[in-house]
Amino acid sequence: MSRSGGSAAHGGEGAGGRIAFARPNWFWCGVLLCLAGALGHLPMYEHLAHPSGYPDTIAGSAWGSPMTITMMVGMVFILAGVAACAYGIVGPRRTPGDYAPGPLQVSFANDVPLTRAHWGLTAVMVLAMAIDVMKPLSLSFVVPGMAQEYGLRSPVHPHGGLPVALLPLSGISGTVIGSFLWGRFGDRIGRRPAILLAAVFFLATSVCGAMPQFWMNLVMCFLMGLGAGGMLPLLFTLLTETVPTRQRGWLVVLVGGVGTASGYVLTSWAASLLVPHFGWRVLWLLGLPTGVLLLLLNRWIPESARFLAACGRPADAEAVLARYGARLASAPPPLYAPAASTHDGYLLLAPYARVSLPLVLFALGIGLVTHGFQLWIPSDLQRLGLSELTADTTLRNSALLGLPFTLAIAWLYGRWSSKATLVLLGTCTAASMVTLAAVGDRIAVHPLSLHLLLAVPIWSAGTAVAVLSAYTAEVYPTAIRSQASGLTAAATKAGGLLMITVVVAAVAPPSLRTTALLGAVPVALATVAIALWGVETRSRSLEEISTSALESRGLTEPVLE
């Protein structure tokens, strides 16, 4: 086959440099089935959205009402739709006749500017990250209303039945598993198909808001976590592999920081605006329009040219790169060439151990803050006497206060030092958590101090996730980049999972002081580890970074797995 590339029918190059679906009719029929199934659950949501709709649950039962026939049919539609989407989007890694002419690397000209294609991709990535961040953050705003409806035990209702923490435990468990699964999917089937499958999961699991029984909420929340956990590492991997070297650092961090902060602002805004009128369940239903929106924007999401080149599809890779001012060039043999199917634990062994372990430790610490401390902020503020609306507004304002600092962090990461920026964020996060722990419950009587002190951990932890994700995507080779991003993303969620497990076991009550201290200690330790063993990535090509990282660990001769 000539270098003209594979056919669109097999996932090859489509119009405008986009990688087409393998079986587009199957994919879009699957989307319609998922949409029909989700809409079929709306009558139950309407039934549950008013007090008269759940007389048994309002009395304190966690078992609620049975599923209706319409819901059962809708669930069948959703299951069939997800299967059809997966079949329609996943094509062969190589198309008939493709060849691999030898090691290739993506080369950007030194003065290449950001094109309209770059800015279009950036806008979609910001939106996708905001939507993804909204999923786990919604847990914190759902917990108070769910605890009241089902009569569950929470900081506001300490004498309830089952602990409401089972809900975030289920959801965060899903995100941990999803990070591993989608990281492997990204390296096996491609970045773009994996991203769109995650969007399909957003659409399909939006029916969590219509589940009439607590155990059903737990199951759907777990499935929602599968999709949400996998989206973030895929987005950072794709963006890192597409942006020119000079602009990569600051742009990727800016997209991550703005997307994360926007997700927090949108979630708290939706909670303060919608929950008082439509109940807590409406926050889950937001997955329906946001999932559809991501799918409709698929034409601005390309496949990674580096992934295509690694799969022996140089013609498809060149067609994508033509939109982004880059080209393929011959490259020397890699020092180490891991298989894409390498298990995740392998990343914690030589030759990657000294790269991976500090990142995983940092991710665990930030996860304790992001999914541990922040998860209980709305409940803690209500326990301290703030109303639900006031608590939600306070969190929204705190997130907005920290948003401008994301611009400074993006500049520091791209123009100063990637490693030092990680250390700076870790220091700010740990210091703010220690301050909150020292002040304790007294902070509620000082509104201005409350806003300022909450702004720092909300901003720094959220931005640290963006910086860590960008950094991880830079220091690993293409064959395992998505998988490595999934590993640190899973470690971030695992930090929150540890905190929630402690709460469910009633080892530590989720007070402001306790959760702040539990987050501060590992963040401080992780910051020291990054300072000692971190790798500098500023203004270096991805190939150069991964090669120098291995050389610094003593690997100097090519080794093929």
Protein backbone atom coordinates (compact mmCIF):
# COMPACT_ATOMS: atom_id res chain seq x y z
CA MET A 1 0.00 0.00 0.00
CA SER A 2 1.23 3.50 -0.75
CA ARG A 3 1.63 6.21 1.86
CA SER A 4 -1.86 7.41 1.06
CA GLY A 5 -3.00 5.60 4.22
CA GLY A 6 -5.84 3.39 5.33
CA SER A 7 -9.45 3.80 4.38
CA ALA A 8 -11.97 5.59 6.54
CA ALA A 9 -14.05 2.48 6.61
CA HIS A 10 -11.43 0.89 8.82
CA GLY A 11 -10.90 3.83 11.11
CA GLY A 12 -8.60 5.56 8.65
CA GLU A 13 -8.36 9.19 7.72
CA GLY A 14 -11.60 11.05 7.15
CA ALA A 15 -12.30 14.47 5.77
CA GLY A 16 -10.37 17.33 7.25
CA GLY A 17 -7.73 15.22 8.95
CA ARG A 18 -10.12 13.47 11.32
CA ILE A 19 -10.02 9.77 12.01
CA ALA A 20 -13.36 8.31 10.98
CA PHE A 21 -15.39 5.81 12.97
CA ALA A 22 -14.81 2.18 12.10
CA ARG A 23 -18.57 1.60 11.74
CA PRO A 24 -20.32 5.00 11.96
CA ASN A 25 -23.87 3.64 11.54
CA TRP A 26 -23.43 1.30 14.50
CA PHE A 27 -21.97 4.08 16.63
CA TRP A 28 -24.70 6.66 16.03
CA CYS A 29 -27.47 4.05 16.33
CA GLY A 30 -25.94 3.15 19.69
CA VAL A 31 -25.97 6.80 20.75
CA LEU A 32 -29.66 7.08 19.82
CA LEU A 33 -30.44 3.93 21.81
CA CYS A 34 -28.65 5.33 24.87
CA LEU A 35 -30.47 8.64 24.49
CA ALA A 36 -33.86 6.92 24.17
CA GLY A 37 -33.11 4.75 27.20
CA ALA A 38 -32.09 7.77 29.29
CA LEU A 39 -35.21 9.71 28.30
CA GLY A 40 -37.30 6.70 29.30
CA HIS A 41 -36.18 7.27 32.91
CA LEU A 42 -37.47 10.85 33.10
CA PRO A 43 -40.98 9.91 34.31
CA MET A 44 -39.45 8.23 37.36
CA TYR A 45 -37.30 11.31 38.00
CA GLU A 46 -40.43 13.47 37.87
CA HIS A 47 -42.13 11.06 40.26
CA LEU A 48 -39.22 11.24 42.73
CA ALA A 49 -38.58 14.97 42.43
CA HIS A 50 -41.52 15.87 44.71
CA PRO A 51 -42.05 14.79 48.32
CA SER A 52 -45.30 13.04 47.44
CA GLY A 53 -43.38 10.88 44.99
CA TYR A 54 -41.39 9.02 47.62
CA PRO A 55 -43.40 8.71 50.83
CA ASP A 56 -41.48 5.62 51.91
CA THR A 57 -38.05 7.08 51.32
CA ILE A 58 -38.83 10.35 53.08
CA ALA A 59 -39.68 8.27 56.13
CA GLY A 60 -36.13 7.01 56.24
CA SER A 61 -36.04 3.87 54.08
CA ALA A 62 -33.07 3.32 51.77
CA TRP A 63 -34.97 0.88 49.55
CA GLY A 64 -37.55 3.17 47.99
CA SER A 65 -39.85 2.24 45.11
CA PRO A 66 -39.45 -0.56 42.53
CA MET A 67 -38.39 0.08 38.93
CA THR A 68 -41.15 0.60 36.39
CA ILE A 69 -41.54 -1.27 33.10
CA THR A 70 -40.52 1.89 31.23
CA MET A 71 -37.28 2.07 33.22
CA MET A 72 -36.51 -1.60 32.56
CA VAL A 73 -37.01 -1.15 28.82
CA GLY A 74 -34.90 1.99 28.94
CA MET A 75 -32.12 0.11 30.70
CA VAL A 76 -32.13 -2.56 27.97
CA PHE A 77 -31.87 0.21 25.37
CA ILE A 78 -28.90 1.71 27.22
CA LEU A 79 -27.04 -1.59 27.48
CA ALA A 80 -27.61 -2.33 23.80
CA GLY A 81 -26.59 1.24 22.90
CA VAL A 82 -23.29 1.08 24.78
CA ALA A 83 -22.45 -2.23 23.09
CA ALA A 84 -23.31 -0.80 19.65
CA CYS A 85 -21.18 2.30 20.28
CA ALA A 86 -18.19 0.18 21.29
CA TYR A 87 -18.56 -2.01 18.19
CA GLY A 88 -19.00 1.03 15.97
CA ILE A 89 -16.02 3.03 17.15
CA VAL A 90 -13.33 0.42 17.71
CA GLY A 91 -11.44 -0.53 14.56
CA PRO A 92 -8.18 -2.40 13.89
CA ARG A 93 -4.93 -0.83 15.10
CA ARG A 94 -3.54 -1.32 11.60
CA THR A 95 -5.41 -1.18 8.33
CA PRO A 96 -4.65 -3.63 5.50
CA GLY A 97 -1.44 -2.66 3.76
CA ASP A 98 -0.12 -0.34 6.46
CA TYR A 99 3.57 -0.63 7.13
CA ALA A 100 6.04 0.60 9.71
CA PRO A 101 9.08 2.16 7.96
CA GLY A 102 11.06 2.35 11.22
CA PRO A 103 11.02 4.52 14.35
CA LEU A 104 9.23 7.82 13.74
CA GLN A 105 8.76 10.93 15.81
CA VAL A 106 6.56 14.01 15.50
CA SER A 107 8.58 17.09 14.63
CA PHE A 108 7.33 20.66 15.10
CA ALA A 109 9.16 23.60 13.58
CA ASN A 110 10.74 25.80 16.26
CA ASP A 111 8.61 28.81 15.36
CA VAL A 112 5.34 27.02 14.58
CA PRO A 113 2.39 29.06 15.94
CA LEU A 114 -0.77 27.67 17.45
CA THR A 115 -3.24 27.15 14.61
CA ARG A 116 -7.04 27.33 14.55
CA ALA A 117 -7.01 23.55 14.88
CA HIS A 118 -4.99 23.85 18.10
CA TRP A 119 -7.37 26.42 19.58
CA GLY A 120 -10.41 24.39 18.53
CA LEU A 121 -8.96 21.32 20.21
CA THR A 122 -8.09 23.40 23.28
CA ALA A 123 -11.66 24.70 23.62
CA VAL A 124 -13.12 21.19 23.37
CA MET A 125 -10.58 19.87 25.88
CA VAL A 126 -11.49 22.60 28.41
CA LEU A 127 -15.16 21.76 28.03
CA ALA A 128 -14.52 18.02 28.28
CA MET A 129 -12.40 18.44 31.41
CA ALA A 130 -15.01 20.66 33.06
CA ILE A 131 -17.71 18.08 32.33
CA ASP A 132 -15.50 15.26 33.59
CA VAL A 133 -14.64 17.10 36.80
CA MET A 134 -18.33 17.77 37.44
CA LYS A 135 -19.02 14.04 37.87
CA PRO A 136 -17.05 13.32 41.06
CA LEU A 137 -17.57 16.83 42.43
CA SER A 138 -21.34 16.38 42.16
CA LEU A 139 -21.03 13.73 44.87
CA SER A 140 -20.31 16.38 47.50
CA PHE A 141 -23.44 18.36 46.58
CA VAL A 142 -25.64 15.25 46.29
CA VAL A 143 -24.72 13.79 49.67
CA PRO A 144 -26.72 16.16 51.94
CA GLY A 145 -30.00 15.77 49.99
CA MET A 146 -29.59 12.03 49.55
CA ALA A 147 -28.90 11.55 53.26
CA GLN A 148 -32.10 13.42 54.12
CA GLU A 149 -34.25 11.58 51.58
CA TYR A 150 -33.06 8.07 52.42
CA GLY A 151 -32.48 8.66 56.14
CA LEU A 152 -28.75 7.93 55.88
CA ARG A 153 -26.04 8.75 58.40
CA SER A 154 -24.06 11.92 57.61
CA PRO A 155 -22.42 14.83 59.47
CA VAL A 156 -25.77 16.68 59.36
CA HIS A 157 -27.77 13.52 60.33
CA PRO A 158 -25.43 11.58 62.67
CA HIS A 159 -28.19 9.20 63.83
CA GLY A 160 -29.25 7.93 60.41
CA GLY A 161 -29.08 4.37 59.10
CA LEU A 162 -26.53 3.32 56.49
CA PRO A 163 -23.63 5.77 56.04
CA VAL A 164 -24.18 8.13 53.10
CA ALA A 165 -20.43 7.84 52.49
CA LEU A 166 -21.21 4.58 50.68
CA LEU A 167 -22.23 6.72 47.68
CA PRO A 168 -18.89 8.51 47.21
CA LEU A 169 -17.15 5.24 48.08
CA SER A 170 -18.94 3.60 45.15
CA GLY A 171 -18.33 6.49 42.77
CA ILE A 172 -14.64 6.98 43.59
CA SER A 173 -14.07 3.21 43.40
CA GLY A 174 -15.43 3.40 39.86
CA THR A 175 -13.06 6.24 38.98
CA VAL A 176 -10.04 4.28 40.24
CA ILE A 177 -10.92 1.26 38.08
CA GLY A 178 -11.93 3.51 35.18
CA SER A 179 -8.55 5.27 35.22
CA PHE A 180 -6.77 1.94 34.81
CA LEU A 181 -9.19 0.61 32.19
CA TRP A 182 -9.36 3.70 30.00
CA GLY A 183 -5.62 4.24 30.28
CA ARG A 184 -5.13 0.79 28.75
CA PHE A 185 -7.90 1.45 26.21
CA GLY A 186 -6.13 4.63 25.11
CA ASP A 187 -2.94 2.72 24.35
CA ARG A 188 -4.76 -0.20 22.71
CA ILE A 189 -7.63 1.26 20.64
CA GLY A 190 -6.58 4.90 20.41
CA ARG A 191 -7.03 8.13 22.34
CA ARG A 192 -10.07 9.37 20.41
CA PRO A 193 -12.19 6.18 20.54
CA ALA A 194 -11.53 5.85 24.27
CA ILE A 195 -12.56 9.49 24.89
CA LEU A 196 -15.80 9.09 22.97
CA LEU A 197 -16.62 5.82 24.77
CA ALA A 198 -16.23 7.69 28.06
CA ALA A 199 -18.67 10.33 26.76
CA VAL A 200 -21.14 7.55 25.93
CA PHE A 201 -20.84 6.39 29.56
CA PHE A 202 -21.67 9.93 30.71
CA LEU A 203 -24.86 9.81 28.68
CA ALA A 204 -25.79 6.28 29.73
CA THR A 205 -25.22 6.78 33.47
CA SER A 206 -27.12 10.07 33.70
CA VAL A 207 -30.09 7.88 34.74
CA CYS A 208 -28.54 7.66 38.21
CA GLY A 209 -30.75 10.63 39.09
CA ALA A 210 -33.86 8.53 38.40
CA MET A 211 -32.89 5.48 40.44
CA PRO A 212 -35.62 4.94 43.09
CA GLN A 213 -33.53 2.88 45.53
CA PHE A 214 -30.28 3.60 47.30
CA TRP A 215 -28.52 0.42 46.11
CA MET A 216 -29.39 1.34 42.54
CA ASN A 217 -27.81 4.75 43.08
CA LEU A 218 -24.67 2.99 44.30
CA VAL A 219 -24.47 0.76 41.21
CA MET A 220 -25.09 3.60 38.74
CA CYS A 221 -22.68 5.88 40.59
CA PHE A 222 -19.99 3.19 40.26
CA LEU A 223 -20.62 2.92 36.51
CA MET A 224 -20.57 6.69 36.17
CA GLY A 225 -17.19 6.66 37.90
CA LEU A 226 -15.85 4.21 35.32
CA GLY A 227 -16.37 6.76 32.57
CA ALA A 228 -15.34 9.82 34.60
CA GLY A 229 -12.15 8.19 35.86
CA GLY A 230 -10.94 7.40 32.36
CA MET A 231 -11.65 10.69 30.63
CA LEU A 232 -9.10 12.94 32.33
CA PRO A 233 -5.87 10.99 31.58
CA LEU A 234 -6.97 10.52 27.98
CA LEU A 235 -7.55 14.24 27.49
CA PHE A 236 -4.12 15.15 28.86
CA THR A 237 -2.44 12.45 26.79
CA LEU A 238 -4.05 13.60 23.54
CA LEU A 239 -3.39 17.29 24.18
CA THR A 240 0.23 16.67 25.19
CA GLU A 241 0.87 14.70 22.00
CA THR A 242 -0.68 17.36 19.75
CA VAL A 243 0.62 20.72 21.00
CA PRO A 244 4.01 22.12 19.78
CA THR A 245 6.92 21.75 22.18
CA ARG A 246 7.33 25.44 23.00
CA GLN A 247 3.66 25.94 23.83
CA ARG A 248 2.98 22.49 25.29
CA GLY A 249 3.72 23.09 28.96
CA TRP A 250 1.77 26.26 29.62
CA LEU A 251 -1.13 25.39 27.32
CA VAL A 252 -1.75 21.89 28.71
CA VAL A 253 -1.61 23.14 32.30
CA LEU A 254 -3.85 26.09 31.46
CA VAL A 255 -6.43 23.81 29.86
CA GLY A 256 -6.31 21.47 32.84
CA GLY A 257 -6.46 24.23 35.43
CA VAL A 258 -9.24 26.18 33.75
CA GLY A 259 -11.17 22.99 33.02
CA THR A 260 -10.90 21.79 36.62
CA ALA A 261 -11.80 25.16 38.12
CA SER A 262 -14.65 25.59 35.64
CA GLY A 263 -15.98 22.18 36.61
CA TYR A 264 -16.04 23.20 40.26
CA VAL A 265 -17.70 26.55 39.49
CA LEU A 266 -20.30 24.95 37.21
CA THR A 267 -21.10 22.21 39.73
CA SER A 268 -21.51 24.59 42.67
CA TRP A 269 -23.47 27.00 40.48
CA ALA A 270 -25.79 24.23 39.29
CA ALA A 271 -26.23 23.04 42.88
CA SER A 272 -27.17 26.50 44.16
CA LEU A 273 -29.44 27.23 41.19
CA LEU A 274 -31.15 23.90 40.50
CA VAL A 275 -31.13 21.81 43.68
CA PRO A 276 -33.46 24.11 45.69
CA HIS A 277 -36.11 23.78 42.93
CA PHE A 278 -35.55 20.30 41.45
CA GLY A 279 -33.82 18.35 44.22
CA TRP A 280 -30.41 16.70 44.37
CA ARG A 281 -31.23 14.22 41.62
CA VAL A 282 -31.06 16.89 38.93
CA LEU A 283 -27.26 17.06 39.26
CA TRP A 284 -26.97 13.50 37.92
CA LEU A 285 -29.31 14.22 35.01
CA LEU A 286 -26.88 16.87 33.78
CA GLY A 287 -24.84 13.98 32.40
CA LEU A 288 -27.40 13.59 29.61
CA PRO A 289 -26.99 16.97 27.85
CA THR A 290 -23.27 17.18 28.61
CA GLY A 291 -22.62 13.69 27.23
CA VAL A 292 -24.55 14.49 24.06
CA LEU A 293 -22.61 17.75 23.69
CA LEU A 294 -19.25 15.98 23.85
CA LEU A 295 -20.34 13.47 21.23
CA LEU A 296 -21.53 16.22 18.89
CA LEU A 297 -18.15 17.93 19.22
CA ASN A 298 -16.28 14.79 18.15
CA ARG A 299 -15.20 16.32 14.84
CA TRP A 300 -12.81 18.62 16.76
CA ILE A 301 -11.21 15.68 18.58
CA PRO A 302 -8.47 14.12 16.39
CA GLU A 303 -6.62 10.89 16.93
CA SER A 304 -3.10 11.25 18.27
CA ALA A 305 -0.60 11.31 15.41
CA ARG A 306 2.02 9.76 17.69
CA PHE A 307 -0.34 6.86 18.42
CA LEU A 308 -1.02 6.38 14.70
CA ALA A 309 2.67 6.42 13.85
CA ALA A 310 3.41 3.92 16.63
CA CYS A 311 0.73 1.64 15.15
CA GLY A 312 2.39 1.69 11.73
CA ARG A 313 -0.08 4.14 10.14
CA PRO A 314 2.20 6.98 9.00
CA ALA A 315 -0.13 8.26 6.27
CA ASP A 316 -2.98 8.75 8.74
CA ALA A 317 -0.56 10.40 11.16
CA GLU A 318 0.71 12.81 8.53
CA ALA A 319 -2.84 13.79 7.56
CA VAL A 320 -3.59 14.70 11.19
CA LEU A 321 -0.29 16.55 11.62
CA ALA A 322 -0.93 18.66 8.51
CA ARG A 323 -3.63 20.48 10.51
CA TYR A 324 -1.23 21.22 13.37
CA GLY A 325 1.91 22.44 11.59
CA ALA A 326 3.99 19.31 12.20
CA ARG A 327 5.43 16.37 10.28
CA LEU A 328 6.83 12.89 10.83
CA ALA A 329 10.59 12.44 10.91
CA SER A 330 12.90 9.47 11.32
CA ALA A 331 13.98 8.80 14.88
CA PRO A 332 16.79 6.75 16.45
CA PRO A 333 15.80 3.44 18.06
CA PRO A 334 14.31 4.00 21.52
CA LEU A 335 16.38 3.06 24.56
CA TYR A 336 13.46 1.06 25.86
CA ALA A 337 10.35 -0.04 23.98
CA PRO A 338 7.66 -1.40 26.32
CA ALA A 339 4.69 -3.24 24.91
CA ALA A 340 1.38 -1.40 24.98
CA SER A 341 -0.13 -4.29 26.92
CA THR A 342 2.31 -3.93 29.82
CA HIS A 343 0.44 -4.24 33.12
CA ASP A 344 0.12 -1.10 35.26
CA GLY A 345 2.25 -2.48 38.10
CA TYR A 346 5.15 -2.73 35.64
CA LEU A 347 5.36 1.07 35.65
CA LEU A 348 6.39 0.93 39.31
CA LEU A 349 9.39 -1.29 38.49
CA ALA A 350 12.69 -0.60 36.71
CA PRO A 351 13.39 1.32 34.59
CA TYR A 352 10.41 3.53 35.47
CA ALA A 353 10.33 3.15 39.27
CA ARG A 354 12.12 6.39 40.15
CA VAL A 355 9.93 8.26 37.68
CA SER A 356 6.64 6.67 38.73
CA LEU A 357 6.87 6.36 42.52
CA PRO A 358 7.17 10.11 43.31
CA LEU A 359 4.30 10.84 40.91
CA VAL A 360 2.08 8.17 42.46
CA LEU A 361 2.86 9.45 45.97
CA PHE A 362 2.07 13.01 44.92
CA ALA A 363 -1.15 11.83 43.28
CA LEU A 364 -2.22 9.99 46.44
CA GLY A 365 -1.68 13.12 48.52
CA ILE A 366 -3.55 15.41 46.16
CA GLY A 367 -6.33 12.81 45.96
CA LEU A 368 -6.80 12.96 49.73
CA VAL A 369 -7.42 16.68 49.34
CA THR A 370 -9.46 16.68 46.13
CA HIS A 371 -11.66 13.65 46.79
CA GLY A 372 -11.38 13.56 50.55
CA PHE A 373 -11.30 17.01 52.10
CA GLN A 374 -13.24 18.77 49.33
CA LEU A 375 -15.87 16.02 49.23
CA TRP A 376 -17.09 16.85 52.72
CA ILE A 377 -16.87 20.66 52.53
CA PRO A 378 -20.59 21.22 51.76
CA SER A 379 -21.66 18.91 54.61
CA ASP A 380 -19.11 20.45 57.00
CA LEU A 381 -20.26 23.98 56.21
CA GLN A 382 -23.89 23.01 56.81
CA ARG A 383 -22.87 21.35 60.09
CA LEU A 384 -21.26 24.65 61.12
CA GLY A 385 -24.54 26.48 60.61
CA LEU A 386 -24.51 27.62 56.97
CA SER A 387 -27.58 26.86 54.87
CA GLU A 388 -27.32 24.58 51.85
CA LEU A 389 -27.59 27.54 49.45
CA THR A 390 -25.02 29.58 51.39
CA ALA A 391 -22.58 26.66 51.49
CA ASP A 392 -22.86 26.10 47.73
CA THR A 393 -22.41 29.82 47.03
CA THR A 394 -19.39 29.98 49.33
CA LEU A 395 -17.70 27.16 47.45
CA ARG A 396 -18.48 28.72 44.08
CA ASN A 397 -17.01 32.07 45.17
CA SER A 398 -13.92 30.36 46.60
CA ALA A 399 -13.34 28.56 43.30
CA LEU A 400 -13.72 31.82 41.39
CA LEU A 401 -11.18 33.55 43.68
CA GLY A 402 -8.55 30.96 42.80
CA LEU A 403 -9.23 30.83 39.06
CA PRO A 404 -6.94 33.78 38.03
CA PHE A 405 -3.95 32.12 39.71
CA THR A 406 -4.25 29.26 37.22
CA LEU A 407 -2.88 31.62 34.56
CA ALA A 408 0.22 32.26 36.67
CA ILE A 409 0.78 28.54 37.29
CA ALA A 410 0.46 27.80 33.56
CA TRP A 411 3.09 30.46 32.81
CA LEU A 412 5.43 29.15 35.52
CA TYR A 413 5.11 25.58 34.27
CA GLY A 414 5.84 26.49 30.65
CA ARG A 415 8.40 29.28 31.11
CA TRP A 416 10.04 28.67 34.49
CA SER A 417 10.20 25.02 35.59
CA SER A 418 7.75 22.11 35.46
CA LYS A 419 9.34 20.37 38.44
CA ALA A 420 9.51 23.51 40.60
CA THR A 421 5.90 24.35 39.77
CA LEU A 422 4.79 20.96 41.12
CA VAL A 423 6.79 21.60 44.31
CA LEU A 424 5.26 25.08 44.66
CA LEU A 425 1.71 23.75 44.32
CA GLY A 426 2.36 20.98 46.82
CA THR A 427 3.73 23.48 49.31
CA CYS A 428 0.74 25.83 48.92
CA THR A 429 -1.75 22.98 49.30
CA ALA A 430 -0.10 21.52 52.41
CA ALA A 431 0.28 24.94 54.04
CA SER A 432 -3.38 25.88 53.46
CA MET A 433 -4.59 22.55 54.83
CA VAL A 434 -2.49 22.94 57.97
CA THR A 435 -3.90 26.44 58.46
CA LEU A 436 -7.49 25.18 58.11
CA ALA A 437 -6.75 22.41 60.59
CA ALA A 438 -5.33 24.92 63.07
CA VAL A 439 -8.30 27.28 62.80
CA GLY A 440 -10.88 24.48 62.81
CA ASP A 441 -14.58 25.22 63.22
CA ARG A 442 -13.90 28.85 64.21
CA ILE A 443 -13.45 29.69 60.54
CA ALA A 444 -17.23 29.71 59.98
CA VAL A 445 -17.70 32.99 61.91
CA HIS A 446 -15.37 34.92 59.60
CA PRO A 447 -16.86 34.90 56.05
CA LEU A 448 -13.94 36.65 54.35
CA SER A 449 -11.35 34.37 55.94
CA LEU A 450 -13.53 31.37 55.09
CA HIS A 451 -13.58 32.30 51.41
CA LEU A 452 -9.84 32.94 51.27
CA LEU A 453 -8.80 29.80 53.13
CA LEU A 454 -11.12 27.59 51.08
CA ALA A 455 -9.93 29.20 47.84
CA VAL A 456 -6.33 28.05 48.34
CA PRO A 457 -6.90 24.26 48.66
CA ILE A 458 -9.68 24.29 46.06
CA TRP A 459 -7.46 26.15 43.61
CA SER A 460 -4.09 24.58 44.41
CA ALA A 461 -5.33 20.98 44.60
CA GLY A 462 -7.34 21.32 41.39
CA THR A 463 -4.45 22.98 39.59
CA ALA A 464 -2.03 20.38 40.99
CA VAL A 465 -4.13 17.65 39.35
CA ALA A 466 -3.80 19.49 36.04
CA VAL A 467 -0.05 20.01 36.46
CA LEU A 468 0.53 16.42 37.57
CA SER A 469 -1.51 15.08 34.64
CA ALA A 470 0.41 17.22 32.15
CA TYR A 471 3.72 16.25 33.73
CA THR A 472 2.91 12.53 33.67
CA ALA A 473 1.95 12.66 30.01
CA GLU A 474 5.34 14.21 29.21
CA VAL A 475 7.72 11.78 30.92
CA TYR A 476 6.60 8.44 29.44
CA PRO A 477 6.99 7.07 25.88
CA THR A 478 4.05 6.95 23.47
CA ALA A 479 3.39 3.21 23.82
CA ILE A 480 2.48 3.53 27.52
CA ARG A 481 1.70 7.24 27.87
CA SER A 482 -2.05 6.80 28.23
CA GLN A 483 -1.58 3.87 30.61
CA ALA A 484 0.85 5.87 32.76
CA SER A 485 -1.56 8.80 32.84
CA GLY A 486 -4.23 6.36 33.97
CA LEU A 487 -1.96 5.12 36.75
CA THR A 488 -1.45 8.54 38.32
CA ALA A 489 -5.11 9.41 37.78
CA ALA A 490 -6.07 6.21 39.60
CA ALA A 491 -3.65 7.08 42.41
CA THR A 492 -5.33 10.48 42.73
CA LYS A 493 -8.72 8.81 43.09
CA ALA A 494 -7.25 6.19 45.43
CA GLY A 495 -6.32 8.95 47.88
CA GLY A 496 -9.96 9.96 48.03
CA LEU A 497 -11.01 6.32 48.24
CA LEU A 498 -8.80 5.87 51.30
CA MET A 499 -10.34 8.91 52.99
CA ILE A 500 -13.90 7.77 52.26
CA THR A 501 -13.17 4.24 53.46
CA VAL A 502 -11.95 5.66 56.76
CA VAL A 503 -15.18 7.65 57.05
CA VAL A 504 -17.39 4.66 56.24
CA ALA A 505 -15.54 2.62 58.88
CA ALA A 506 -16.13 5.50 61.33
CA VAL A 507 -12.42 5.60 62.15
CA ALA A 508 -12.36 9.35 61.65
CA PRO A 509 -15.41 11.64 61.48
CA PRO A 510 -15.38 13.96 58.46
CA SER A 511 -14.77 17.15 60.44
CA LEU A 512 -13.04 20.10 58.85
CA ARG A 513 -9.94 19.73 61.02
CA THR A 514 -9.55 15.97 60.64
CA THR A 515 -9.94 15.86 56.87
CA ALA A 516 -7.58 18.83 56.48
CA LEU A 517 -4.82 17.09 58.45
CA LEU A 518 -5.30 13.78 56.64
CA GLY A 519 -4.75 15.63 53.37
CA ALA A 520 -1.85 17.83 54.50
CA VAL A 521 0.57 15.12 55.66
CA PRO A 522 0.86 13.03 52.44
CA VAL A 523 0.91 16.17 50.27
CA ALA A 524 3.90 17.46 52.23
CA LEU A 525 5.73 14.12 51.92
CA ALA A 526 4.95 13.90 48.20
CA THR A 527 6.26 17.42 47.63
CA VAL A 528 9.61 16.44 49.13
CA ALA A 529 9.73 13.35 46.88
CA ILE A 530 9.08 15.43 43.76
CA ALA A 531 11.79 17.92 44.78
CA LEU A 532 14.31 15.08 45.17
CA TRP A 533 13.48 12.82 42.20
CA GLY A 534 11.40 14.85 39.76
CA VAL A 535 12.44 15.28 36.10
CA GLU A 536 12.53 18.66 34.35
CA THR A 537 10.44 18.73 31.12
CA ARG A 538 10.27 22.41 30.15
CA SER A 539 10.87 23.16 26.44
CA ARG A 540 11.93 19.61 25.58
CA SER A 541 10.40 17.26 23.04
CA LEU A 542 8.51 14.25 24.33
CA GLU A 543 11.03 11.89 22.77
CA GLU A 544 13.93 13.75 24.38
CA ILE A 545 12.23 13.73 27.80
CA SER A 546 11.51 10.00 27.85
CA THR A 547 15.02 9.20 26.59
CA SER A 548 16.80 11.41 29.13
CA ALA A 549 14.60 10.07 31.94
CA LEU A 550 15.75 6.55 31.16
CA GLU A 551 19.39 7.60 30.75
CA SER A 552 19.30 9.24 34.16
CA ARG A 553 18.24 5.86 35.56
CA GLY A 554 21.28 4.12 34.07
CA LEU A 555 19.74 2.72 30.84
CA THR A 556 22.07 3.64 27.97
CA GLU A 557 21.65 0.85 25.40
CA PRO A 558 18.49 0.09 23.38
CA VAL A 559 16.39 -2.65 24.91
CA LEU A 560 13.35 -3.99 23.07
CA GLU A 561 10.68 -5.85 24.97
